[in-house]
Amino acid sequence: MADYRLEGPKPARMYEVILPKKIGYFGKIQEVLEDLFDERAIRKIPFVRQSIARGRKEAGFDEDRWIKTLCKASRGYSIYEMDGRFLSASGPIDERVIVIRFIFHNPSGETNGGTDFLGVSLEVVNHLVARRFAQELGVEEEIWFVEYSHPQLSIWRRSSADADAGADPSRDETA
């Protein structure tokens, strides 16, 4: 039987970006989310260029480290749909939306030199995702950005010995 160890609970930050589900948005959604894993693409985002320009004026600002932190901070995302009714100036509107969820945490043993993924999480989601959707889609009245207060994350992580040995969790070895 595979051995798991509990990691946490530890501080986490969770965000959701909510926008209408429209076929015409799928390409932009894919582009924005894929750019989170591409250092060159991140460097091209106006908010990032402005932040680098401000940072260069500060003593000790390490541009490459900051960009690498932005890239590593978003380890992934989840996407789901939900239906809702929303009140507009013309009355209630039934609409299906896409929700993109991000959960940030500082992985055990993976932070070096004080890298704080929680510290940059707001910048990553608010500016590299939500703001880009708002500016680049440019047609929606609102794009929602939700931050959940004080979530805690616990992870049941398979021990490295089991993972290295290729233990098969479906096989019952107690018989």
C-alpha atoms as a PDB file:
ATOM      1  CA  MET A   1       0.000   0.000   0.000  1.00  0.00           C
ATOM      2  CA  ALA A   2       1.341   3.437  -0.889  1.00  0.00           C
ATOM      3  CA  ASP A   3       2.461   5.672   1.952  1.00  0.00           C
ATOM      4  CA  TYR A   4       1.222   9.268   2.085  1.00  0.00           C
ATOM      5  CA  ARG A   5       2.218  12.057   4.424  1.00  0.00           C
ATOM      6  CA  LEU A   6       0.171  15.099   5.313  1.00  0.00           C
ATOM      7  CA  GLU A   7       1.614  18.449   4.321  1.00  0.00           C
ATOM      8  CA  GLY A   8      -0.188  21.327   5.962  1.00  0.00           C
ATOM      9  CA  PRO A   9      -2.508  22.899   6.617  1.00  0.00           C
ATOM     10  CA  LYS A  10      -0.577  25.868   5.315  1.00  0.00           C
ATOM     11  CA  PRO A  11      -1.521  29.320   4.094  1.00  0.00           C
ATOM     12  CA  ALA A  12      -2.888  29.499   0.586  1.00  0.00           C
ATOM     13  CA  ARG A  13      -4.502  32.088  -1.608  1.00  0.00           C
ATOM     14  CA  MET A  14      -7.367  31.296  -3.928  1.00  0.00           C
ATOM     15  CA  TYR A  15      -8.677  33.455  -6.728  1.00  0.00           C
ATOM     16  CA  GLU A  16     -11.333  33.093  -9.389  1.00  0.00           C
ATOM     17  CA  VAL A  17     -11.734  35.025 -12.603  1.00  0.00           C
ATOM     18  CA  ILE A  18     -15.306  34.944 -13.929  1.00  0.00           C
ATOM     19  CA  LEU A  19     -16.251  35.902 -17.472  1.00  0.00           C
ATOM     20  CA  PRO A  20     -19.113  35.110 -19.839  1.00  0.00           C
ATOM     21  CA  LYS A  21     -18.758  31.879 -21.796  1.00  0.00           C
ATOM     22  CA  LYS A  22     -18.570  32.852 -25.436  1.00  0.00           C
ATOM     23  CA  ILE A  23     -17.047  30.761 -28.215  1.00  0.00           C
ATOM     24  CA  GLY A  24     -15.164  33.795 -29.502  1.00  0.00           C
ATOM     25  CA  TYR A  25     -13.304  34.045 -26.192  1.00  0.00           C
ATOM     26  CA  PHE A  26     -11.813  30.538 -26.201  1.00  0.00           C
ATOM     27  CA  GLY A  27      -8.691  31.508 -28.186  1.00  0.00           C
ATOM     28  CA  LYS A  28      -7.948  34.476 -25.921  1.00  0.00           C
ATOM     29  CA  ILE A  29      -8.549  32.395 -22.789  1.00  0.00           C
ATOM     30  CA  GLN A  30      -6.094  29.757 -24.008  1.00  0.00           C
ATOM     31  CA  GLU A  31      -3.500  32.393 -24.978  1.00  0.00           C
ATOM     32  CA  VAL A  32      -3.682  34.225 -21.640  1.00  0.00           C
ATOM     33  CA  LEU A  33      -3.477  31.028 -19.585  1.00  0.00           C
ATOM     34  CA  GLU A  34      -0.643  29.508 -21.641  1.00  0.00           C
ATOM     35  CA  ASP A  35       1.317  32.774 -21.354  1.00  0.00           C
ATOM     36  CA  LEU A  36       1.476  32.218 -17.579  1.00  0.00           C
ATOM     37  CA  PHE A  37       4.065  29.486 -18.242  1.00  0.00           C
ATOM     38  CA  ASP A  38       6.139  31.441 -20.796  1.00  0.00           C
ATOM     39  CA  GLU A  39       8.709  33.935 -19.514  1.00  0.00           C
ATOM     40  CA  ARG A  40       8.992  35.740 -22.869  1.00  0.00           C
ATOM     41  CA  ALA A  41       5.217  36.209 -23.078  1.00  0.00           C
ATOM     42  CA  ILE A  42       5.083  37.525 -19.507  1.00  0.00           C
ATOM     43  CA  ARG A  43       7.783  40.095 -20.277  1.00  0.00           C
ATOM     44  CA  LYS A  44       5.607  41.507 -23.114  1.00  0.00           C
ATOM     45  CA  ILE A  45       2.610  42.292 -20.881  1.00  0.00           C
ATOM     46  CA  PRO A  46       2.358  46.078 -20.328  1.00  0.00           C
ATOM     47  CA  PHE A  47       1.834  45.721 -16.544  1.00  0.00           C
ATOM     48  CA  VAL A  48       5.023  43.640 -16.305  1.00  0.00           C
ATOM     49  CA  ARG A  49       7.045  46.091 -18.399  1.00  0.00           C
ATOM     50  CA  GLN A  50       5.823  48.970 -16.181  1.00  0.00           C
ATOM     51  CA  SER A  51       6.622  47.006 -13.003  1.00  0.00           C
ATOM     52  CA  ILE A  52      10.132  46.223 -14.261  1.00  0.00           C
ATOM     53  CA  ALA A  53      10.716  49.904 -15.064  1.00  0.00           C
ATOM     54  CA  ARG A  54       9.641  50.856 -11.513  1.00  0.00           C
ATOM     55  CA  GLY A  55      11.674  48.022 -10.006  1.00  0.00           C
ATOM     56  CA  ARG A  56      14.881  49.069 -11.763  1.00  0.00           C
ATOM     57  CA  LYS A  57      14.764  52.285  -9.726  1.00  0.00           C
ATOM     58  CA  GLU A  58      14.886  50.268  -6.490  1.00  0.00           C
ATOM     59  CA  ALA A  59      18.120  48.993  -5.000  1.00  0.00           C
ATOM     60  CA  GLY A  60      18.331  45.219  -5.005  1.00  0.00           C
ATOM     61  CA  PHE A  61      15.596  44.603  -7.600  1.00  0.00           C
ATOM     62  CA  ASP A  62      16.381  41.398  -9.475  1.00  0.00           C
ATOM     63  CA  GLU A  63      14.370  41.501 -12.693  1.00  0.00           C
ATOM     64  CA  ASP A  64      15.131  37.925 -13.759  1.00  0.00           C
ATOM     65  CA  ARG A  65      14.262  36.513 -10.357  1.00  0.00           C
ATOM     66  CA  TRP A  66      10.991  38.479 -10.241  1.00  0.00           C
ATOM     67  CA  ILE A  67       9.962  37.219 -13.713  1.00  0.00           C
ATOM     68  CA  LYS A  68      10.885  33.626 -12.820  1.00  0.00           C
ATOM     69  CA  THR A  69       8.810  33.943  -9.638  1.00  0.00           C
ATOM     70  CA  LEU A  70       5.813  35.113 -11.670  1.00  0.00           C
ATOM     71  CA  CYS A  71       6.239  32.112 -13.989  1.00  0.00           C
ATOM     72  CA  LYS A  72       6.604  29.580 -11.178  1.00  0.00           C
ATOM     73  CA  ALA A  73       3.907  31.037  -8.930  1.00  0.00           C
ATOM     74  CA  SER A  74       1.055  29.895 -11.129  1.00  0.00           C
ATOM     75  CA  ARG A  75       1.544  26.162 -11.063  1.00  0.00           C
ATOM     76  CA  GLY A  76      -1.794  25.622 -12.762  1.00  0.00           C
ATOM     77  CA  TYR A  77      -5.464  26.415 -12.786  1.00  0.00           C
ATOM     78  CA  SER A  78      -8.869  24.784 -13.037  1.00  0.00           C
ATOM     79  CA  ILE A  79     -11.712  25.805 -15.300  1.00  0.00           C
ATOM     80  CA  TYR A  80     -15.379  25.110 -14.765  1.00  0.00           C
ATOM     81  CA  GLU A  81     -18.688  26.504 -15.947  1.00  0.00           C
ATOM     82  CA  MET A  82     -21.685  27.679 -14.011  1.00  0.00           C
ATOM     83  CA  ASP A  83     -25.070  29.024 -14.904  1.00  0.00           C
ATOM     84  CA  GLY A  84     -26.449  32.059 -13.204  1.00  0.00           C
ATOM     85  CA  ARG A  85     -28.902  34.872 -13.275  1.00  0.00           C
ATOM     86  CA  PHE A  86     -27.501  38.352 -13.105  1.00  0.00           C
ATOM     87  CA  LEU A  87     -29.238  41.680 -12.724  1.00  0.00           C
ATOM     88  CA  SER A  88     -28.509  44.228 -15.445  1.00  0.00           C
ATOM     89  CA  ALA A  89     -29.948  47.666 -16.195  1.00  0.00           C
ATOM     90  CA  SER A  90     -32.474  46.006 -18.515  1.00  0.00           C
ATOM     91  CA  GLY A  91     -33.458  43.334 -15.975  1.00  0.00           C
ATOM     92  CA  PRO A  92     -32.369  39.796 -15.104  1.00  0.00           C
ATOM     93  CA  ILE A  93     -30.116  37.973 -17.592  1.00  0.00           C
ATOM     94  CA  ASP A  94     -29.516  34.225 -17.617  1.00  0.00           C
ATOM     95  CA  GLU A  95     -25.907  33.560 -18.546  1.00  0.00           C
ATOM     96  CA  ARG A  96     -23.362  30.760 -18.517  1.00  0.00           C
ATOM     97  CA  VAL A  97     -19.924  31.830 -17.292  1.00  0.00           C
ATOM     98  CA  ILE A  98     -16.456  30.355 -17.245  1.00  0.00           C
ATOM     99  CA  VAL A  99     -14.693  30.348 -13.899  1.00  0.00           C
ATOM    100  CA  ILE A 100     -10.909  30.030 -13.816  1.00  0.00           C
ATOM    101  CA  ARG A 101      -9.668  29.063 -10.350  1.00  0.00           C
ATOM    102  CA  PHE A 102      -6.121  29.517  -9.084  1.00  0.00           C
ATOM    103  CA  ILE A 103      -4.780  28.186  -5.779  1.00  0.00           C
ATOM    104  CA  PHE A 104      -1.380  29.478  -4.688  1.00  0.00           C
ATOM    105  CA  HIS A 105       0.851  28.145  -1.939  1.00  0.00           C
ATOM    106  CA  ASN A 106       4.525  28.014  -1.102  1.00  0.00           C
ATOM    107  CA  PRO A 107       5.556  24.400  -1.779  1.00  0.00           C
ATOM    108  CA  SER A 108       7.534  22.730   0.987  1.00  0.00           C
ATOM    109  CA  GLY A 109      11.230  22.646   0.199  1.00  0.00           C
ATOM    110  CA  GLU A 110      10.864  24.519  -3.112  1.00  0.00           C
ATOM    111  CA  THR A 111      11.315  28.106  -2.021  1.00  0.00           C
ATOM    112  CA  ASN A 112      14.872  29.301  -2.302  1.00  0.00           C
ATOM    113  CA  GLY A 113      16.186  32.681  -1.344  1.00  0.00           C
ATOM    114  CA  GLY A 114      12.909  33.824   0.148  1.00  0.00           C
ATOM    115  CA  THR A 115      10.741  33.369  -2.962  1.00  0.00           C
ATOM    116  CA  ASP A 116       7.175  33.980  -1.866  1.00  0.00           C
ATOM    117  CA  PHE A 117       4.562  32.722  -4.328  1.00  0.00           C
ATOM    118  CA  LEU A 118       1.766  33.974  -2.068  1.00  0.00           C
ATOM    119  CA  GLY A 119       3.237  37.457  -2.261  1.00  0.00           C
ATOM    120  CA  VAL A 120       3.054  37.636  -6.064  1.00  0.00           C
ATOM    121  CA  SER A 121      -0.199  35.703  -6.447  1.00  0.00           C
ATOM    122  CA  LEU A 122      -2.384  38.807  -6.518  1.00  0.00           C
ATOM    123  CA  GLU A 123      -0.253  40.367  -9.259  1.00  0.00           C
ATOM    124  CA  VAL A 124      -0.288  37.173 -11.303  1.00  0.00           C
ATOM    125  CA  VAL A 125      -4.045  36.668 -11.327  1.00  0.00           C
ATOM    126  CA  ASN A 126      -5.234  40.262 -11.196  1.00  0.00           C
ATOM    127  CA  HIS A 127      -2.853  41.664 -13.814  1.00  0.00           C
ATOM    128  CA  LEU A 128      -1.649  38.728 -15.914  1.00  0.00           C
ATOM    129  CA  VAL A 129      -5.116  37.185 -16.233  1.00  0.00           C
ATOM    130  CA  ALA A 130      -8.140  39.322 -15.238  1.00  0.00           C
ATOM    131  CA  ARG A 131      -6.802  42.658 -16.438  1.00  0.00           C
ATOM    132  CA  ARG A 132      -5.640  41.115 -19.725  1.00  0.00           C
ATOM    133  CA  PHE A 133      -9.095  39.669 -20.347  1.00  0.00           C
ATOM    134  CA  ALA A 134     -10.692  43.031 -19.629  1.00  0.00           C
ATOM    135  CA  GLN A 135      -8.331  44.984 -21.868  1.00  0.00           C
ATOM    136  CA  GLU A 136      -7.857  42.496 -24.699  1.00  0.00           C
ATOM    137  CA  LEU A 137     -11.455  41.320 -24.997  1.00  0.00           C
ATOM    138  CA  GLY A 138     -12.604  44.891 -24.421  1.00  0.00           C
ATOM    139  CA  VAL A 139     -16.328  44.314 -24.852  1.00  0.00           C
ATOM    140  CA  GLU A 140     -17.644  43.120 -21.497  1.00  0.00           C
ATOM    141  CA  GLU A 141     -19.188  45.506 -19.030  1.00  0.00           C
ATOM    142  CA  GLU A 142     -17.573  43.579 -16.153  1.00  0.00           C
ATOM    143  CA  ILE A 143     -15.082  40.774 -15.593  1.00  0.00           C
ATOM    144  CA  TRP A 144     -15.090  39.577 -12.027  1.00  0.00           C
ATOM    145  CA  PHE A 145     -12.019  38.801  -9.965  1.00  0.00           C
ATOM    146  CA  VAL A 146     -12.645  37.097  -6.611  1.00  0.00           C
ATOM    147  CA  GLU A 147     -10.101  36.611  -3.828  1.00  0.00           C
ATOM    148  CA  TYR A 148     -10.971  34.187  -1.055  1.00  0.00           C
ATOM    149  CA  SER A 149      -9.819  35.256   2.396  1.00  0.00           C
ATOM    150  CA  HIS A 150      -7.561  33.052   4.480  1.00  0.00           C
ATOM    151  CA  PRO A 151      -7.896  29.645   2.807  1.00  0.00           C
ATOM    152  CA  GLN A 152      -5.781  26.826   4.182  1.00  0.00           C
ATOM    153  CA  LEU A 153      -4.353  24.053   2.005  1.00  0.00           C
ATOM    154  CA  SER A 154      -3.609  20.491   3.079  1.00  0.00           C
ATOM    155  CA  ILE A 155      -2.028  18.030   0.674  1.00  0.00           C
ATOM    156  CA  TRP A 156      -1.744  14.287   1.073  1.00  0.00           C
ATOM    157  CA  ARG A 157       1.547  13.739  -0.770  1.00  0.00           C
ATOM    158  CA  ARG A 158       2.766  10.316  -1.768  1.00  0.00           C
ATOM    159  CA  SER A 159       6.087   9.541  -0.137  1.00  0.00           C
ATOM    160  CA  SER A 160       9.062   9.753  -2.477  1.00  0.00           C
ATOM    161  CA  ALA A 161      10.014   6.126  -1.808  1.00  0.00           C
ATOM    162  CA  ASP A 162       6.619   4.929  -3.094  1.00  0.00           C
ATOM    163  CA  ALA A 163       6.721   7.238  -6.084  1.00  0.00           C
ATOM    164  CA  ASP A 164      10.256   6.136  -6.989  1.00  0.00           C
ATOM    165  CA  ALA A 165       9.388   2.469  -6.640  1.00  0.00           C
ATOM    166  CA  GLY A 166       6.360   2.888  -8.884  1.00  0.00           C
ATOM    167  CA  ALA A 167       3.955   1.566  -6.252  1.00  0.00           C
ATOM    168  CA  ASP A 168       0.606   0.688  -7.762  1.00  0.00           C
ATOM    169  CA  PRO A 169      -2.072   2.255  -5.517  1.00  0.00           C
ATOM    170  CA  SER A 170      -4.740   0.002  -7.085  1.00  0.00           C
ATOM    171  CA  ARG A 171      -2.988  -3.159  -5.932  1.00  0.00           C
ATOM    172  CA  ASP A 172      -3.848  -4.353  -2.425  1.00  0.00           C
ATOM    173  CA  GLU A 173      -0.610  -5.649  -0.915  1.00  0.00           C
ATOM    174  CA  THR A 174      -2.134  -6.501   2.475  1.00  0.00           C
ATOM    175  CA  ALA A 175      -3.643  -9.806   1.314  1.00  0.00           C
END
